[in-house]
Amino acid sequence: MRLRTSVVCLCVVLAASAIGPAAHAAPAAGTPVASGAAPEAGEFGPLADLLIERLRLADLVAAAKFGTGRPIDDPVREAELLATVRTEAAALGIDVDAAVAVFTDQIAASKVVQRGLFERWTEHPGEAPAPPDLGQVRTELDRLTHAILAELTATERLRHGDPLCRVHLVVARIAGAVEHRLDVLHRRALDVAVGSVCVPR
């Protein structure tokens, strides 16, 4: 309980003082953070969990592409995703441009993971996993698109101009990184993934 409370307090202090991403003092890439007791994730906890789940799928996307000649960038797939987000956000009645910005960040965050893993596997080919079925991975990505949009809808009011939005976001980001034992690469990607969650006034 003492560790849990301490981590929550640390999250709030970091947010309130506008200190940079938690990954700055992280161990080497590939080394997970010692979790201990999971801190409270707060209002954005469910959203952070979904974004982290999406980042984990980026590992599988990288594994499916590595050594095949497939590029990390996929403009056609990216355009299709953003078009879907625009349509579904409008149907949900949420800020369409804000939702598109969040998913643009998810595309960028996925590329952070993919590029990092490509570099790692190029240097250490024996660490590269067997390639999964990319079609199945994309089915999971589509499922997460709907789930993330649902959380954006649930947090619409908090995300738009609430002065405490970034405080809640930092708490969720740090709590998620601890709970899911993210390594440096994935925490760096998570920093990118949450970049547009809070919408300025």
N, C-alpha and C. Protein backbone atom coordinates (compact mmCIF):
# COMPACT_ATOMS: atom_id res chain seq x y z
N MET A 1 0.83 -1.20 0.00
CA MET A 1 0.00 0.00 0.00
C MET A 1 0.86 1.24 0.00
N ARG A 2 1.96 1.22 0.79
CA ARG A 2 2.83 2.38 0.84
C ARG A 2 3.45 2.65 -0.53
N LEU A 3 3.88 1.58 -1.25
CA LEU A 3 4.46 1.75 -2.57
C LEU A 3 3.42 2.29 -3.54
N ARG A 4 2.22 1.75 -3.45
CA ARG A 4 1.13 2.18 -4.33
C ARG A 4 0.86 3.67 -4.15
N THR A 5 0.76 4.11 -2.90
CA THR A 5 0.50 5.52 -2.61
C THR A 5 1.65 6.39 -3.08
N SER A 6 2.88 5.92 -2.88
CA SER A 6 4.05 6.70 -3.27
C SER A 6 4.11 6.92 -4.77
N VAL A 7 3.76 5.87 -5.53
CA VAL A 7 3.81 6.01 -6.98
C VAL A 7 2.76 6.98 -7.47
N VAL A 8 1.55 6.91 -6.87
CA VAL A 8 0.50 7.85 -7.25
C VAL A 8 0.93 9.27 -6.97
N CYS A 9 1.52 9.50 -5.79
CA CYS A 9 1.99 10.84 -5.44
C CYS A 9 3.05 11.31 -6.42
N LEU A 10 3.95 10.41 -6.79
CA LEU A 10 5.00 10.77 -7.74
C LEU A 10 4.39 11.16 -9.08
N CYS A 11 3.37 10.42 -9.52
CA CYS A 11 2.70 10.75 -10.78
C CYS A 11 2.15 12.17 -10.75
N VAL A 12 1.48 12.51 -9.66
CA VAL A 12 0.86 13.82 -9.55
C VAL A 12 1.92 14.92 -9.51
N VAL A 13 3.00 14.68 -8.77
CA VAL A 13 4.07 15.67 -8.70
C VAL A 13 4.67 15.91 -10.08
N LEU A 14 4.92 14.83 -10.81
CA LEU A 14 5.48 14.96 -12.16
C LEU A 14 4.55 15.75 -13.05
N ALA A 15 3.25 15.45 -12.98
CA ALA A 15 2.30 16.14 -13.83
C ALA A 15 2.19 17.61 -13.46
N ALA A 16 2.06 17.88 -12.18
CA ALA A 16 1.87 19.26 -11.75
C ALA A 16 3.07 20.14 -12.05
N SER A 17 4.25 19.56 -12.02
CA SER A 17 5.46 20.36 -12.26
C SER A 17 5.90 20.30 -13.71
N ALA A 18 5.07 19.65 -14.57
CA ALA A 18 5.34 19.59 -16.02
C ALA A 18 6.69 19.00 -16.33
N ILE A 19 7.11 18.00 -15.56
CA ILE A 19 8.35 17.31 -15.86
C ILE A 19 8.12 16.44 -17.07
N GLY A 20 9.15 16.23 -17.88
CA GLY A 20 9.04 15.49 -19.14
C GLY A 20 8.68 14.05 -18.93
N PRO A 21 8.65 13.28 -20.06
CA PRO A 21 8.24 11.88 -20.03
C PRO A 21 9.04 11.05 -19.05
N ALA A 22 8.37 10.04 -18.51
CA ALA A 22 9.00 9.19 -17.51
C ALA A 22 10.14 8.39 -18.08
N ALA A 23 10.18 8.22 -19.40
CA ALA A 23 11.21 7.38 -20.00
C ALA A 23 12.59 7.99 -19.91
N HIS A 24 12.71 9.25 -19.53
CA HIS A 24 14.01 9.90 -19.50
C HIS A 24 14.99 9.20 -18.58
N ALA A 25 14.47 8.63 -17.49
CA ALA A 25 15.37 7.99 -16.53
C ALA A 25 15.24 6.47 -16.59
N ALA A 26 14.92 5.97 -17.77
CA ALA A 26 14.61 4.55 -17.90
C ALA A 26 15.85 3.71 -18.07
N PRO A 27 15.74 2.40 -17.76
CA PRO A 27 16.83 1.49 -18.02
C PRO A 27 16.95 1.20 -19.50
N ALA A 28 17.92 0.37 -19.86
CA ALA A 28 18.18 0.08 -21.26
C ALA A 28 16.98 -0.55 -21.93
N ALA A 29 16.88 -0.34 -23.26
CA ALA A 29 15.76 -0.89 -24.02
C ALA A 29 15.70 -2.40 -23.84
N GLY A 30 14.46 -2.90 -23.71
CA GLY A 30 14.28 -4.33 -23.52
C GLY A 30 14.20 -4.72 -22.07
N THR A 31 14.55 -3.80 -21.16
CA THR A 31 14.49 -4.09 -19.73
C THR A 31 13.20 -3.54 -19.17
N PRO A 32 12.28 -4.40 -18.69
CA PRO A 32 11.02 -3.90 -18.16
C PRO A 32 11.22 -3.19 -16.83
N VAL A 33 10.28 -2.31 -16.52
CA VAL A 33 10.33 -1.59 -15.25
C VAL A 33 9.83 -2.51 -14.15
N ALA A 34 10.48 -2.51 -13.00
CA ALA A 34 9.99 -3.27 -11.86
C ALA A 34 8.64 -2.71 -11.46
N SER A 35 7.63 -3.57 -11.35
CA SER A 35 6.28 -3.06 -11.19
C SER A 35 5.88 -2.87 -9.74
N GLY A 36 6.20 -3.80 -8.84
CA GLY A 36 5.71 -3.70 -7.48
C GLY A 36 4.19 -3.69 -7.50
N ALA A 37 3.58 -2.86 -6.65
CA ALA A 37 2.14 -2.71 -6.67
C ALA A 37 1.76 -1.74 -7.77
N ALA A 38 0.72 -2.09 -8.53
CA ALA A 38 0.30 -1.22 -9.62
C ALA A 38 -0.33 0.05 -9.06
N PRO A 39 0.09 1.23 -9.52
CA PRO A 39 -0.50 2.47 -9.06
C PRO A 39 -1.88 2.68 -9.67
N GLU A 40 -2.66 3.57 -9.06
CA GLU A 40 -3.97 3.90 -9.60
C GLU A 40 -3.79 4.67 -10.90
N ALA A 41 -4.56 4.30 -11.92
CA ALA A 41 -4.40 4.92 -13.24
C ALA A 41 -5.34 6.10 -13.45
N GLY A 42 -6.40 6.21 -12.66
CA GLY A 42 -7.27 7.37 -12.75
C GLY A 42 -8.20 7.38 -13.96
N GLU A 43 -8.64 8.59 -14.32
CA GLU A 43 -9.66 8.77 -15.35
C GLU A 43 -9.26 8.19 -16.70
N PHE A 44 -7.98 8.31 -17.04
CA PHE A 44 -7.52 7.85 -18.35
C PHE A 44 -6.95 6.43 -18.32
N GLY A 45 -7.12 5.73 -17.21
CA GLY A 45 -6.57 4.38 -17.10
C GLY A 45 -7.02 3.44 -18.21
N PRO A 46 -8.34 3.34 -18.46
CA PRO A 46 -8.79 2.44 -19.53
C PRO A 46 -8.24 2.82 -20.90
N LEU A 47 -8.18 4.12 -21.18
CA LEU A 47 -7.62 4.56 -22.46
C LEU A 47 -6.15 4.21 -22.57
N ALA A 48 -5.39 4.46 -21.50
CA ALA A 48 -3.96 4.13 -21.52
C ALA A 48 -3.75 2.64 -21.73
N ASP A 49 -4.58 1.81 -21.10
CA ASP A 49 -4.47 0.36 -21.29
C ASP A 49 -4.67 -0.03 -22.75
N LEU A 50 -5.64 0.60 -23.40
CA LEU A 50 -5.91 0.29 -24.81
C LEU A 50 -4.76 0.75 -25.70
N LEU A 51 -4.21 1.92 -25.42
CA LEU A 51 -3.10 2.41 -26.22
C LEU A 51 -1.88 1.51 -26.06
N ILE A 52 -1.67 1.02 -24.84
CA ILE A 52 -0.55 0.10 -24.60
C ILE A 52 -0.80 -1.23 -25.30
N GLU A 53 -2.04 -1.70 -25.27
CA GLU A 53 -2.35 -2.94 -25.99
C GLU A 53 -2.07 -2.78 -27.48
N ARG A 54 -2.38 -1.61 -28.00
CA ARG A 54 -2.11 -1.35 -29.42
C ARG A 54 -0.61 -1.33 -29.70
N LEU A 55 0.15 -0.77 -28.77
CA LEU A 55 1.61 -0.76 -28.93
C LEU A 55 2.17 -2.18 -28.90
N ARG A 56 1.59 -3.04 -28.09
CA ARG A 56 2.04 -4.44 -28.06
C ARG A 56 1.80 -5.11 -29.41
N LEU A 57 0.71 -4.75 -30.06
CA LEU A 57 0.45 -5.31 -31.39
C LEU A 57 1.46 -4.82 -32.41
N ALA A 58 2.05 -3.65 -32.16
CA ALA A 58 3.09 -3.16 -33.06
C ALA A 58 4.28 -4.11 -33.10
N ASP A 59 4.52 -4.82 -31.99
CA ASP A 59 5.56 -5.85 -31.98
C ASP A 59 5.26 -6.93 -33.03
N LEU A 60 3.99 -7.32 -33.09
CA LEU A 60 3.60 -8.37 -34.03
C LEU A 60 3.64 -7.87 -35.46
N VAL A 61 3.25 -6.61 -35.65
CA VAL A 61 3.34 -6.02 -37.00
C VAL A 61 4.79 -6.01 -37.46
N ALA A 62 5.69 -5.61 -36.55
CA ALA A 62 7.12 -5.60 -36.88
C ALA A 62 7.61 -7.00 -37.22
N ALA A 63 7.18 -7.98 -36.43
CA ALA A 63 7.61 -9.37 -36.67
C ALA A 63 7.11 -9.88 -38.01
N ALA A 64 5.90 -9.45 -38.39
CA ALA A 64 5.33 -9.89 -39.67
C ALA A 64 6.07 -9.27 -40.86
N LYS A 65 6.64 -8.09 -40.66
CA LYS A 65 7.29 -7.38 -41.76
C LYS A 65 8.79 -7.63 -41.83
N PHE A 66 9.41 -7.90 -40.69
CA PHE A 66 10.87 -7.98 -40.64
C PHE A 66 11.40 -9.07 -41.57
N GLY A 67 12.37 -8.69 -42.37
CA GLY A 67 13.02 -9.64 -43.26
C GLY A 67 12.23 -9.99 -44.51
N THR A 68 11.07 -9.34 -44.69
CA THR A 68 10.23 -9.65 -45.85
C THR A 68 10.35 -8.59 -46.94
N GLY A 69 10.98 -7.47 -46.62
CA GLY A 69 11.03 -6.36 -47.57
C GLY A 69 9.84 -5.44 -47.47
N ARG A 70 8.85 -5.78 -46.64
CA ARG A 70 7.70 -4.89 -46.46
C ARG A 70 8.15 -3.65 -45.70
N PRO A 71 7.78 -2.47 -46.18
CA PRO A 71 8.18 -1.25 -45.46
C PRO A 71 7.36 -1.05 -44.19
N ILE A 72 7.94 -0.32 -43.26
CA ILE A 72 7.20 0.03 -42.05
C ILE A 72 6.05 0.97 -42.39
N ASP A 73 6.31 1.94 -43.23
CA ASP A 73 5.26 2.88 -43.65
C ASP A 73 4.26 2.15 -44.55
N ASP A 74 2.98 2.40 -44.30
CA ASP A 74 1.92 1.79 -45.11
C ASP A 74 0.85 2.86 -45.36
N PRO A 75 1.11 3.77 -46.31
CA PRO A 75 0.22 4.91 -46.51
C PRO A 75 -1.23 4.53 -46.80
N VAL A 76 -1.43 3.45 -47.53
CA VAL A 76 -2.80 3.05 -47.87
C VAL A 76 -3.55 2.62 -46.62
N ARG A 77 -2.95 1.76 -45.84
CA ARG A 77 -3.56 1.29 -44.59
C ARG A 77 -3.79 2.46 -43.63
N GLU A 78 -2.82 3.36 -43.54
CA GLU A 78 -2.94 4.51 -42.64
C GLU A 78 -4.10 5.41 -43.06
N ALA A 79 -4.23 5.66 -44.36
CA ALA A 79 -5.32 6.50 -44.85
C ALA A 79 -6.67 5.85 -44.58
N GLU A 80 -6.74 4.54 -44.75
CA GLU A 80 -7.99 3.82 -44.47
C GLU A 80 -8.37 3.93 -43.00
N LEU A 81 -7.37 3.79 -42.12
CA LEU A 81 -7.64 3.90 -40.69
C LEU A 81 -8.18 5.28 -40.34
N LEU A 82 -7.53 6.32 -40.82
CA LEU A 82 -7.95 7.68 -40.47
C LEU A 82 -9.32 8.01 -41.06
N ALA A 83 -9.62 7.46 -42.23
CA ALA A 83 -10.95 7.67 -42.81
C ALA A 83 -12.02 6.99 -41.95
N THR A 84 -11.71 5.79 -41.48
CA THR A 84 -12.63 5.08 -40.59
C THR A 84 -12.85 5.85 -39.30
N VAL A 85 -11.76 6.36 -38.73
CA VAL A 85 -11.85 7.13 -37.49
C VAL A 85 -12.71 8.37 -37.70
N ARG A 86 -12.50 9.05 -38.81
CA ARG A 86 -13.27 10.27 -39.09
C ARG A 86 -14.77 9.94 -39.17
N THR A 87 -15.11 8.87 -39.86
CA THR A 87 -16.52 8.49 -40.01
C THR A 87 -17.13 8.08 -38.68
N GLU A 88 -16.42 7.24 -37.92
CA GLU A 88 -16.97 6.74 -36.67
C GLU A 88 -17.03 7.83 -35.59
N ALA A 89 -16.04 8.72 -35.59
CA ALA A 89 -16.07 9.81 -34.61
C ALA A 89 -17.26 10.72 -34.87
N ALA A 90 -17.54 10.99 -36.13
CA ALA A 90 -18.70 11.81 -36.47
C ALA A 90 -19.99 11.13 -36.01
N ALA A 91 -20.07 9.82 -36.21
CA ALA A 91 -21.26 9.08 -35.79
C ALA A 91 -21.42 9.08 -34.27
N LEU A 92 -20.30 9.09 -33.56
CA LEU A 92 -20.33 9.11 -32.10
C LEU A 92 -20.59 10.50 -31.53
N GLY A 93 -20.48 11.51 -32.38
CA GLY A 93 -20.72 12.88 -31.94
C GLY A 93 -19.58 13.51 -31.17
N ILE A 94 -18.36 13.01 -31.39
CA ILE A 94 -17.19 13.59 -30.72
C ILE A 94 -16.39 14.43 -31.72
N ASP A 95 -15.45 15.20 -31.20
CA ASP A 95 -14.61 16.06 -32.02
C ASP A 95 -13.83 15.21 -33.03
N VAL A 96 -14.18 15.35 -34.30
CA VAL A 96 -13.59 14.50 -35.34
C VAL A 96 -12.11 14.77 -35.50
N ASP A 97 -11.73 16.05 -35.56
CA ASP A 97 -10.32 16.38 -35.76
C ASP A 97 -9.47 15.90 -34.59
N ALA A 98 -10.01 16.00 -33.38
CA ALA A 98 -9.27 15.54 -32.20
C ALA A 98 -9.08 14.03 -32.24
N ALA A 99 -10.11 13.31 -32.65
CA ALA A 99 -10.00 11.85 -32.75
C ALA A 99 -8.98 11.45 -33.81
N VAL A 100 -9.01 12.14 -34.94
CA VAL A 100 -8.03 11.85 -36.00
C VAL A 100 -6.62 12.13 -35.51
N ALA A 101 -6.45 13.20 -34.74
CA ALA A 101 -5.12 13.53 -34.20
C ALA A 101 -4.62 12.42 -33.28
N VAL A 102 -5.51 11.88 -32.45
CA VAL A 102 -5.11 10.79 -31.55
C VAL A 102 -4.66 9.57 -32.35
N PHE A 103 -5.39 9.24 -33.38
CA PHE A 103 -5.02 8.06 -34.17
C PHE A 103 -3.81 8.31 -35.07
N THR A 104 -3.61 9.54 -35.46
CA THR A 104 -2.37 9.87 -36.17
C THR A 104 -1.18 9.60 -35.25
N ASP A 105 -1.35 9.91 -33.97
CA ASP A 105 -0.31 9.61 -32.98
C ASP A 105 -0.13 8.10 -32.81
N GLN A 106 -1.22 7.33 -32.92
CA GLN A 106 -1.08 5.88 -32.77
C GLN A 106 -0.26 5.30 -33.92
N ILE A 107 -0.46 5.84 -35.11
CA ILE A 107 0.33 5.40 -36.27
C ILE A 107 1.80 5.71 -36.03
N ALA A 108 2.08 6.93 -35.56
CA ALA A 108 3.47 7.33 -35.30
C ALA A 108 4.08 6.49 -34.19
N ALA A 109 3.31 6.21 -33.14
CA ALA A 109 3.82 5.42 -32.02
C ALA A 109 4.14 4.00 -32.45
N SER A 110 3.28 3.43 -33.30
CA SER A 110 3.54 2.09 -33.82
C SER A 110 4.85 2.04 -34.60
N LYS A 111 5.11 3.09 -35.35
CA LYS A 111 6.35 3.14 -36.12
C LYS A 111 7.58 3.26 -35.22
N VAL A 112 7.42 3.94 -34.09
CA VAL A 112 8.53 4.01 -33.12
C VAL A 112 8.89 2.59 -32.68
N VAL A 113 7.88 1.80 -32.34
CA VAL A 113 8.12 0.42 -31.92
C VAL A 113 8.72 -0.40 -33.05
N GLN A 114 8.12 -0.31 -34.23
CA GLN A 114 8.59 -1.12 -35.35
C GLN A 114 10.03 -0.80 -35.71
N ARG A 115 10.36 0.48 -35.77
CA ARG A 115 11.74 0.85 -36.12
C ARG A 115 12.72 0.40 -35.05
N GLY A 116 12.31 0.54 -33.80
CA GLY A 116 13.18 0.10 -32.71
C GLY A 116 13.44 -1.39 -32.76
N LEU A 117 12.39 -2.16 -33.04
CA LEU A 117 12.55 -3.61 -33.11
C LEU A 117 13.34 -4.03 -34.35
N PHE A 118 13.12 -3.35 -35.46
CA PHE A 118 13.91 -3.64 -36.66
C PHE A 118 15.40 -3.45 -36.37
N GLU A 119 15.73 -2.36 -35.69
CA GLU A 119 17.14 -2.11 -35.35
C GLU A 119 17.68 -3.21 -34.44
N ARG A 120 16.89 -3.59 -33.45
CA ARG A 120 17.31 -4.62 -32.50
C ARG A 120 17.52 -5.96 -33.20
N TRP A 121 16.56 -6.33 -34.03
CA TRP A 121 16.65 -7.63 -34.70
C TRP A 121 17.72 -7.66 -35.79
N THR A 122 18.00 -6.51 -36.38
CA THR A 122 19.08 -6.45 -37.36
C THR A 122 20.42 -6.70 -36.68
N GLU A 123 20.58 -6.13 -35.49
CA GLU A 123 21.82 -6.33 -34.72
C GLU A 123 21.88 -7.72 -34.10
N HIS A 124 20.72 -8.26 -33.74
CA HIS A 124 20.66 -9.57 -33.07
C HIS A 124 19.60 -10.42 -33.77
N PRO A 125 19.91 -10.96 -34.94
CA PRO A 125 18.91 -11.70 -35.73
C PRO A 125 18.27 -12.87 -34.97
N GLY A 126 19.00 -13.45 -34.04
CA GLY A 126 18.45 -14.57 -33.30
C GLY A 126 17.28 -14.19 -32.41
N GLU A 127 17.11 -12.90 -32.12
CA GLU A 127 16.01 -12.45 -31.28
C GLU A 127 14.71 -12.25 -32.06
N ALA A 128 14.80 -12.24 -33.38
CA ALA A 128 13.61 -12.00 -34.19
C ALA A 128 12.65 -13.18 -34.06
N PRO A 129 11.38 -12.93 -33.74
CA PRO A 129 10.42 -14.02 -33.58
C PRO A 129 9.92 -14.52 -34.93
N ALA A 130 9.22 -15.63 -34.90
CA ALA A 130 8.58 -16.13 -36.12
C ALA A 130 7.48 -15.15 -36.53
N PRO A 131 7.34 -14.90 -37.82
CA PRO A 131 6.34 -13.93 -38.26
C PRO A 131 4.91 -14.43 -38.03
N PRO A 132 4.06 -13.62 -37.43
CA PRO A 132 2.66 -14.00 -37.25
C PRO A 132 1.86 -13.70 -38.51
N ASP A 133 0.59 -14.07 -38.48
CA ASP A 133 -0.33 -13.75 -39.57
C ASP A 133 -0.73 -12.28 -39.45
N LEU A 134 -0.28 -11.45 -40.39
CA LEU A 134 -0.55 -10.02 -40.30
C LEU A 134 -2.04 -9.73 -40.41
N GLY A 135 -2.77 -10.57 -41.13
CA GLY A 135 -4.21 -10.37 -41.24
C GLY A 135 -4.90 -10.47 -39.89
N GLN A 136 -4.49 -11.44 -39.08
CA GLN A 136 -5.07 -11.59 -37.74
C GLN A 136 -4.70 -10.41 -36.85
N VAL A 137 -3.48 -9.93 -36.99
CA VAL A 137 -3.04 -8.77 -36.21
C VAL A 137 -3.90 -7.56 -36.57
N ARG A 138 -4.16 -7.39 -37.84
CA ARG A 138 -4.96 -6.24 -38.27
C ARG A 138 -6.40 -6.34 -37.79
N THR A 139 -6.91 -7.55 -37.66
CA THR A 139 -8.24 -7.72 -37.08
C THR A 139 -8.27 -7.21 -35.64
N GLU A 140 -7.22 -7.51 -34.89
CA GLU A 140 -7.11 -7.01 -33.52
C GLU A 140 -6.96 -5.49 -33.50
N LEU A 141 -6.20 -4.95 -34.43
CA LEU A 141 -6.05 -3.50 -34.51
C LEU A 141 -7.40 -2.83 -34.80
N ASP A 142 -8.19 -3.44 -35.66
CA ASP A 142 -9.52 -2.89 -35.95
C ASP A 142 -10.40 -2.91 -34.70
N ARG A 143 -10.32 -3.99 -33.94
CA ARG A 143 -11.09 -4.07 -32.69
C ARG A 143 -10.68 -2.96 -31.74
N LEU A 144 -9.38 -2.71 -31.65
CA LEU A 144 -8.89 -1.66 -30.76
C LEU A 144 -9.29 -0.27 -31.24
N THR A 145 -9.41 -0.10 -32.53
CA THR A 145 -9.88 1.20 -33.05
C THR A 145 -11.24 1.54 -32.46
N HIS A 146 -12.16 0.58 -32.48
CA HIS A 146 -13.50 0.82 -31.93
C HIS A 146 -13.43 1.05 -30.41
N ALA A 147 -12.60 0.28 -29.72
CA ALA A 147 -12.50 0.42 -28.27
C ALA A 147 -11.90 1.76 -27.88
N ILE A 148 -10.88 2.19 -28.61
CA ILE A 148 -10.25 3.49 -28.31
C ILE A 148 -11.23 4.62 -28.58
N LEU A 149 -11.97 4.54 -29.67
CA LEU A 149 -12.97 5.57 -29.96
C LEU A 149 -14.03 5.63 -28.86
N ALA A 150 -14.39 4.48 -28.32
CA ALA A 150 -15.36 4.46 -27.21
C ALA A 150 -14.80 5.18 -25.99
N GLU A 151 -13.51 4.99 -25.71
CA GLU A 151 -12.89 5.67 -24.57
C GLU A 151 -12.72 7.16 -24.84
N LEU A 152 -12.44 7.52 -26.07
CA LEU A 152 -12.37 8.95 -26.41
C LEU A 152 -13.74 9.60 -26.20
N THR A 153 -14.78 8.86 -26.50
CA THR A 153 -16.14 9.36 -26.26
C THR A 153 -16.40 9.52 -24.76
N ALA A 154 -15.99 8.53 -23.98
CA ALA A 154 -16.22 8.56 -22.53
C ALA A 154 -15.45 9.68 -21.85
N THR A 155 -14.31 10.07 -22.43
CA THR A 155 -13.47 11.10 -21.81
C THR A 155 -13.50 12.42 -22.57
N GLU A 156 -14.49 12.59 -23.43
CA GLU A 156 -14.55 13.78 -24.29
C GLU A 156 -14.50 15.08 -23.49
N ARG A 157 -15.29 15.15 -22.44
CA ARG A 157 -15.34 16.40 -21.67
C ARG A 157 -14.02 16.68 -20.97
N LEU A 158 -13.41 15.66 -20.38
CA LEU A 158 -12.13 15.83 -19.68
C LEU A 158 -11.03 16.23 -20.67
N ARG A 159 -11.07 15.69 -21.86
CA ARG A 159 -9.99 15.93 -22.83
C ARG A 159 -10.03 17.32 -23.44
N HIS A 160 -11.20 17.95 -23.41
CA HIS A 160 -11.35 19.23 -24.09
C HIS A 160 -11.28 20.41 -23.12
N GLY A 161 -10.08 20.92 -22.95
CA GLY A 161 -9.90 22.15 -22.21
C GLY A 161 -9.92 22.04 -20.71
N ASP A 162 -10.08 20.84 -20.15
CA ASP A 162 -10.04 20.69 -18.69
C ASP A 162 -8.61 20.95 -18.21
N PRO A 163 -8.43 21.88 -17.27
CA PRO A 163 -7.07 22.19 -16.81
C PRO A 163 -6.35 21.02 -16.16
N LEU A 164 -7.10 20.02 -15.70
CA LEU A 164 -6.48 18.85 -15.07
C LEU A 164 -6.27 17.70 -16.05
N CYS A 165 -6.57 17.92 -17.32
CA CYS A 165 -6.45 16.83 -18.29
C CYS A 165 -5.05 16.25 -18.30
N ARG A 166 -4.04 17.10 -18.39
CA ARG A 166 -2.67 16.59 -18.50
C ARG A 166 -2.20 15.93 -17.19
N VAL A 167 -2.72 16.40 -16.07
CA VAL A 167 -2.40 15.74 -14.80
C VAL A 167 -2.93 14.31 -14.83
N HIS A 168 -4.20 14.16 -15.19
CA HIS A 168 -4.79 12.82 -15.28
C HIS A 168 -4.04 11.96 -16.30
N LEU A 169 -3.63 12.58 -17.40
CA LEU A 169 -2.97 11.82 -18.46
C LEU A 169 -1.60 11.31 -18.02
N VAL A 170 -0.83 12.16 -17.33
CA VAL A 170 0.49 11.73 -16.85
C VAL A 170 0.34 10.61 -15.83
N VAL A 171 -0.65 10.73 -14.94
CA VAL A 171 -0.89 9.67 -13.96
C VAL A 171 -1.18 8.35 -14.67
N ALA A 172 -2.05 8.39 -15.67
CA ALA A 172 -2.40 7.16 -16.40
C ALA A 172 -1.22 6.61 -17.18
N ARG A 173 -0.45 7.50 -17.77
CA ARG A 173 0.70 7.06 -18.58
C ARG A 173 1.74 6.36 -17.71
N ILE A 174 2.07 6.96 -16.58
CA ILE A 174 3.07 6.37 -15.71
C ILE A 174 2.54 5.08 -15.07
N ALA A 175 1.28 5.12 -14.63
CA ALA A 175 0.69 3.91 -14.04
C ALA A 175 0.66 2.77 -15.04
N GLY A 176 0.31 3.08 -16.28
CA GLY A 176 0.27 2.05 -17.32
C GLY A 176 1.64 1.48 -17.61
N ALA A 177 2.64 2.35 -17.66
CA ALA A 177 4.00 1.88 -17.92
C ALA A 177 4.49 0.95 -16.82
N VAL A 178 4.12 1.26 -15.58
CA VAL A 178 4.52 0.41 -14.45
C VAL A 178 3.74 -0.90 -14.48
N GLU A 179 2.43 -0.80 -14.61
CA GLU A 179 1.59 -2.00 -14.55
C GLU A 179 1.93 -2.99 -15.67
N HIS A 180 2.19 -2.46 -16.85
CA HIS A 180 2.46 -3.33 -18.01
C HIS A 180 3.95 -3.59 -18.21
N ARG A 181 4.78 -3.07 -17.30
CA ARG A 181 6.22 -3.33 -17.32
C ARG A 181 6.83 -2.99 -18.68
N LEU A 182 6.54 -1.79 -19.15
CA LEU A 182 7.03 -1.38 -20.46
C LEU A 182 8.53 -1.12 -20.42
N ASP A 183 9.23 -1.51 -21.47
CA ASP A 183 10.64 -1.19 -21.59
C ASP A 183 10.79 0.21 -22.17
N VAL A 184 12.02 0.65 -22.35
CA VAL A 184 12.27 2.02 -22.83
C VAL A 184 11.60 2.27 -24.17
N LEU A 185 11.73 1.33 -25.08
CA LEU A 185 11.17 1.52 -26.42
C LEU A 185 9.67 1.74 -26.36
N HIS A 186 8.97 0.92 -25.61
CA HIS A 186 7.52 1.03 -25.56
C HIS A 186 7.06 2.23 -24.73
N ARG A 187 7.83 2.63 -23.75
CA ARG A 187 7.48 3.86 -23.02
C ARG A 187 7.68 5.09 -23.90
N ARG A 188 8.73 5.06 -24.71
CA ARG A 188 8.94 6.17 -25.64
C ARG A 188 7.78 6.24 -26.64
N ALA A 189 7.35 5.08 -27.10
CA ALA A 189 6.21 5.04 -28.02
C ALA A 189 4.92 5.49 -27.32
N LEU A 190 4.75 5.14 -26.05
CA LEU A 190 3.56 5.56 -25.31
C LEU A 190 3.53 7.07 -25.17
N ASP A 191 4.68 7.70 -24.97
CA ASP A 191 4.73 9.16 -24.92
C ASP A 191 4.17 9.76 -26.20
N VAL A 192 4.50 9.15 -27.33
CA VAL A 192 3.98 9.61 -28.62
C VAL A 192 2.48 9.35 -28.71
N ALA A 193 2.07 8.18 -28.25
CA ALA A 193 0.67 7.76 -28.38
C ALA A 193 -0.30 8.67 -27.63
N VAL A 194 0.13 9.27 -26.52
CA VAL A 194 -0.78 10.10 -25.72
C VAL A 194 -0.67 11.58 -26.07
N GLY A 195 0.14 11.91 -27.06
CA GLY A 195 0.46 13.31 -27.34
C GLY A 195 -0.72 14.22 -27.61
N SER A 196 -1.78 13.70 -28.24
CA SER A 196 -2.92 14.55 -28.61
C SER A 196 -4.19 14.22 -27.84
N VAL A 197 -4.06 13.47 -26.76
CA VAL A 197 -5.25 13.09 -25.99
C VAL A 197 -5.93 14.33 -25.41
N CYS A 198 -5.15 15.22 -24.81
CA CYS A 198 -5.71 16.45 -24.25
C CYS A 198 -5.78 17.52 -25.34
N VAL A 199 -6.94 18.12 -25.48
CA VAL A 199 -7.17 19.13 -26.52
C VAL A 199 -7.16 20.50 -25.87
N PRO A 200 -6.25 21.41 -26.30
CA PRO A 200 -6.20 22.74 -25.70
C PRO A 200 -7.50 23.52 -25.94
N ARG A 201 -7.74 24.48 -25.08
CA ARG A 201 -8.91 25.34 -25.27
C ARG A 201 -8.77 26.15 -26.55
